[in-house]
Amino acid sequence: MTSKKSLLIVLLVLNAVVLLGQLWPEGAPPFARVVNILTLILDIVIIVQLLRVRQ
């Protein structure tokens, strides 16, 4: 498995956790804030990398 594919799988899992926390806030784990921030940062990194590759 390539590193890009691994990173995308990690982002999919993190995004699923974030979405679940939005749909069911009472069930969110205590570390949900950290997961939300980490997901946002990783999403920004991926978007910047995708924009760089296209140029």
C-alpha atoms as a PDB file:
ATOM      1  CA  MET A   1       0.000   0.000   0.000  1.00  0.00           C
ATOM      2  CA  THR A   2       1.395   3.384  -0.938  1.00  0.00           C
ATOM      3  CA  SER A   3       1.820   6.200   1.529  1.00  0.00           C
ATOM      4  CA  LYS A   4      -0.771   8.305  -0.318  1.00  0.00           C
ATOM      5  CA  LYS A   5      -3.333   5.535  -0.063  1.00  0.00           C
ATOM      6  CA  SER A   6      -2.530   5.039   3.631  1.00  0.00           C
ATOM      7  CA  LEU A   7      -2.933   8.747   4.304  1.00  0.00           C
ATOM      8  CA  LEU A   8      -6.275   8.810   2.494  1.00  0.00           C
ATOM      9  CA  ILE A   9      -7.507   5.873   4.571  1.00  0.00           C
ATOM     10  CA  VAL A  10      -6.473   7.659   7.769  1.00  0.00           C
ATOM     11  CA  LEU A  11      -8.285  10.800   6.602  1.00  0.00           C
ATOM     12  CA  LEU A  12     -11.412   8.803   5.768  1.00  0.00           C
ATOM     13  CA  VAL A  13     -11.458   7.274   9.240  1.00  0.00           C
ATOM     14  CA  LEU A  14     -10.860  10.638  10.915  1.00  0.00           C
ATOM     15  CA  ASN A  15     -13.576  12.273   8.832  1.00  0.00           C
ATOM     16  CA  ALA A  16     -15.971   9.466   9.764  1.00  0.00           C
ATOM     17  CA  VAL A  17     -15.241  10.058  13.468  1.00  0.00           C
ATOM     18  CA  VAL A  18     -15.797  13.796  13.034  1.00  0.00           C
ATOM     19  CA  LEU A  19     -19.071  13.203  11.182  1.00  0.00           C
ATOM     20  CA  LEU A  20     -20.259  10.765  13.826  1.00  0.00           C
ATOM     21  CA  GLY A  21     -19.472  13.363  16.496  1.00  0.00           C
ATOM     22  CA  GLN A  22     -21.579  15.918  14.626  1.00  0.00           C
ATOM     23  CA  LEU A  23     -24.500  13.543  14.163  1.00  0.00           C
ATOM     24  CA  TRP A  24     -24.387  12.115  17.693  1.00  0.00           C
ATOM     25  CA  PRO A  25     -22.632  14.638  20.001  1.00  0.00           C
ATOM     26  CA  GLU A  26     -23.475  12.738  23.187  1.00  0.00           C
ATOM     27  CA  GLY A  27     -21.546   9.739  21.907  1.00  0.00           C
ATOM     28  CA  ALA A  28     -18.417  11.677  20.989  1.00  0.00           C
ATOM     29  CA  PRO A  29     -15.280  10.422  22.736  1.00  0.00           C
ATOM     30  CA  PRO A  30     -13.388  12.709  25.134  1.00  0.00           C
ATOM     31  CA  PHE A  31     -10.623  13.167  22.551  1.00  0.00           C
ATOM     32  CA  ALA A  32     -13.051  14.390  19.855  1.00  0.00           C
ATOM     33  CA  ARG A  33     -11.665  17.942  19.850  1.00  0.00           C
ATOM     34  CA  VAL A  34      -8.163  16.664  19.103  1.00  0.00           C
ATOM     35  CA  VAL A  35      -9.509  14.460  16.298  1.00  0.00           C
ATOM     36  CA  ASN A  36     -11.401  17.433  14.807  1.00  0.00           C
ATOM     37  CA  ILE A  37      -8.322  19.662  14.812  1.00  0.00           C
ATOM     38  CA  LEU A  38      -6.064  16.903  13.465  1.00  0.00           C
ATOM     39  CA  THR A  39      -8.521  16.183  10.669  1.00  0.00           C
ATOM     40  CA  LEU A  40      -8.717  19.840   9.661  1.00  0.00           C
ATOM     41  CA  ILE A  41      -4.926  20.150   9.588  1.00  0.00           C
ATOM     42  CA  LEU A  42      -4.475  16.962   7.552  1.00  0.00           C
ATOM     43  CA  ASP A  43      -7.221  18.016   5.132  1.00  0.00           C
ATOM     44  CA  ILE A  44      -5.453  21.335   4.550  1.00  0.00           C
ATOM     45  CA  VAL A  45      -2.125  19.545   3.979  1.00  0.00           C
ATOM     46  CA  ILE A  46      -3.698  17.195   1.432  1.00  0.00           C
ATOM     47  CA  ILE A  47      -5.442  20.044  -0.415  1.00  0.00           C
ATOM     48  CA  VAL A  48      -2.204  22.040  -0.611  1.00  0.00           C
ATOM     49  CA  GLN A  49      -0.340  19.000  -1.928  1.00  0.00           C
ATOM     50  CA  LEU A  50      -3.030  18.368  -4.554  1.00  0.00           C
ATOM     51  CA  LEU A  51      -2.893  21.998  -5.666  1.00  0.00           C
ATOM     52  CA  ARG A  52       0.911  21.844  -5.943  1.00  0.00           C
ATOM     53  CA  VAL A  53       0.816  18.720  -8.101  1.00  0.00           C
ATOM     54  CA  ARG A  54      -1.664  20.269 -10.549  1.00  0.00           C
ATOM     55  CA  GLN A  55       0.494  23.335 -11.204  1.00  0.00           C
END
